Amino acid sequence: MYFIDHLNKKIHNGAKAGDACGFIGTPSDAREFTDSEEKIEYLKKTERYISCSHCTHDGLNVFPYNLPPADGEA
């Protein structure tokens, strides 16, 4: 399930979203829950929504995974 924050234009993982995601101030009428992959892709492609770097790992906004190696690491 996805949690959509329409105020900040962010897509959250509904199961992992928390205080670090920064949606605490988003009013309830600007929040939406969905299971629709199509809706999520539409919002990202046409409305410029982004995935939350704190709770999602889609390969685009990823934290801390897929970071470039530190100097000296292969």
C-alpha atoms as a PDB file:
ATOM      1  CA  MET A   1       0.000   0.000   0.000  1.00  0.00           C
ATOM      2  CA  TYR A   2       1.159   3.512  -0.776  1.00  0.00           C
ATOM      3  CA  PHE A   3       0.530   6.654   1.212  1.00  0.00           C
ATOM      4  CA  ILE A   4       0.357   9.770  -0.962  1.00  0.00           C
ATOM      5  CA  ASP A   5       1.158  13.151   0.539  1.00  0.00           C
ATOM      6  CA  HIS A   6      -0.438  15.579  -1.919  1.00  0.00           C
ATOM      7  CA  LEU A   7       0.791  18.643  -0.016  1.00  0.00           C
ATOM      8  CA  ASN A   8       4.480  17.762  -0.438  1.00  0.00           C
ATOM      9  CA  LYS A   9       4.037  15.641  -3.597  1.00  0.00           C
ATOM     10  CA  LYS A  10       5.642  12.579  -2.024  1.00  0.00           C
ATOM     11  CA  ILE A  11       4.872   8.880  -2.299  1.00  0.00           C
ATOM     12  CA  HIS A  12       5.438   6.855   0.878  1.00  0.00           C
ATOM     13  CA  ASN A  13       5.536   3.149   1.642  1.00  0.00           C
ATOM     14  CA  GLY A  14       2.390   2.793   3.743  1.00  0.00           C
ATOM     15  CA  ALA A  15       3.958   0.110   5.939  1.00  0.00           C
ATOM     16  CA  LYS A  16       7.230   1.960   6.604  1.00  0.00           C
ATOM     17  CA  ALA A  17       6.283   5.646   6.679  1.00  0.00           C
ATOM     18  CA  GLY A  18       7.112   7.463   9.901  1.00  0.00           C
ATOM     19  CA  ASP A  19       8.053  10.761  11.487  1.00  0.00           C
ATOM     20  CA  ALA A  20      11.290  11.075   9.471  1.00  0.00           C
ATOM     21  CA  CYS A  21       9.228  11.245   6.268  1.00  0.00           C
ATOM     22  CA  GLY A  22       8.030  14.761   7.109  1.00  0.00           C
ATOM     23  CA  PHE A  23       4.293  14.370   6.525  1.00  0.00           C
ATOM     24  CA  ILE A  24       3.222  15.137  10.086  1.00  0.00           C
ATOM     25  CA  GLY A  25       1.975  18.611   9.087  1.00  0.00           C
ATOM     26  CA  THR A  26       0.042  17.361   6.066  1.00  0.00           C
ATOM     27  CA  PRO A  27      -3.701  17.764   6.680  1.00  0.00           C
ATOM     28  CA  SER A  28      -5.853  14.658   6.371  1.00  0.00           C
ATOM     29  CA  ASP A  29      -7.625  15.983   3.268  1.00  0.00           C
ATOM     30  CA  ALA A  30      -4.233  16.065   1.472  1.00  0.00           C
ATOM     31  CA  ARG A  31      -3.458  12.413   2.340  1.00  0.00           C
ATOM     32  CA  GLU A  32      -4.466   9.387   0.316  1.00  0.00           C
ATOM     33  CA  PHE A  33      -3.875   5.635   0.527  1.00  0.00           C
ATOM     34  CA  THR A  34      -3.814   3.431  -2.561  1.00  0.00           C
ATOM     35  CA  ASP A  35      -2.669   0.067  -3.866  1.00  0.00           C
ATOM     36  CA  SER A  36      -2.722   1.306  -7.466  1.00  0.00           C
ATOM     37  CA  GLU A  37       0.681   1.065  -9.157  1.00  0.00           C
ATOM     38  CA  GLU A  38      -0.834   2.876 -12.142  1.00  0.00           C
ATOM     39  CA  LYS A  39      -1.818   5.864 -10.006  1.00  0.00           C
ATOM     40  CA  ILE A  40       1.653   6.042  -8.464  1.00  0.00           C
ATOM     41  CA  GLU A  41       3.335   5.951 -11.883  1.00  0.00           C
ATOM     42  CA  TYR A  42       0.929   8.603 -13.184  1.00  0.00           C
ATOM     43  CA  LEU A  43       1.696  10.946 -10.278  1.00  0.00           C
ATOM     44  CA  LYS A  44       5.445  10.471 -10.718  1.00  0.00           C
ATOM     45  CA  LYS A  45       5.438  10.940 -14.487  1.00  0.00           C
ATOM     46  CA  THR A  46       2.856  13.675 -14.963  1.00  0.00           C
ATOM     47  CA  GLU A  47       2.566  15.492 -11.637  1.00  0.00           C
ATOM     48  CA  ARG A  48       6.252  15.301 -10.621  1.00  0.00           C
ATOM     49  CA  TYR A  49       5.673  13.432  -7.356  1.00  0.00           C
ATOM     50  CA  ILE A  50       8.734  11.781  -5.845  1.00  0.00           C
ATOM     51  CA  SER A  51       9.282   8.706  -3.722  1.00  0.00           C
ATOM     52  CA  CYS A  52      10.152   9.407  -0.108  1.00  0.00           C
ATOM     53  CA  SER A  53      13.835   8.755   0.511  1.00  0.00           C
ATOM     54  CA  HIS A  54      13.112   7.640   4.082  1.00  0.00           C
ATOM     55  CA  CYS A  55      10.650   4.821   3.487  1.00  0.00           C
ATOM     56  CA  THR A  56      10.739   3.760  -0.175  1.00  0.00           C
ATOM     57  CA  HIS A  57      13.398   1.975  -2.179  1.00  0.00           C
ATOM     58  CA  ASP A  58      12.499   2.146  -5.861  1.00  0.00           C
ATOM     59  CA  GLY A  59      15.951   2.681  -7.293  1.00  0.00           C
ATOM     60  CA  LEU A  60      15.424   6.403  -7.847  1.00  0.00           C
ATOM     61  CA  ASN A  61      15.134   7.866  -4.370  1.00  0.00           C
ATOM     62  CA  VAL A  62      17.029   5.361  -2.298  1.00  0.00           C
ATOM     63  CA  PHE A  63      18.460   5.783   1.141  1.00  0.00           C
ATOM     64  CA  PRO A  64      20.893   4.400   2.206  1.00  0.00           C
ATOM     65  CA  TYR A  65      20.993   1.740  -0.542  1.00  0.00           C
ATOM     66  CA  ASN A  66      22.677   2.063  -3.938  1.00  0.00           C
ATOM     67  CA  LEU A  67      24.913   4.904  -2.857  1.00  0.00           C
ATOM     68  CA  PRO A  68      28.200   5.217  -4.705  1.00  0.00           C
ATOM     69  CA  PRO A  69      31.095   3.432  -2.969  1.00  0.00           C
ATOM     70  CA  ALA A  70      33.173   5.452  -0.549  1.00  0.00           C
ATOM     71  CA  ASP A  71      36.719   6.342  -1.586  1.00  0.00           C
ATOM     72  CA  GLY A  72      38.913   3.263  -1.576  1.00  0.00           C
ATOM     73  CA  GLU A  73      35.984   0.795  -1.718  1.00  0.00           C
ATOM     74  CA  ALA A  74      35.298  -1.330  -4.744  1.00  0.00           C
END
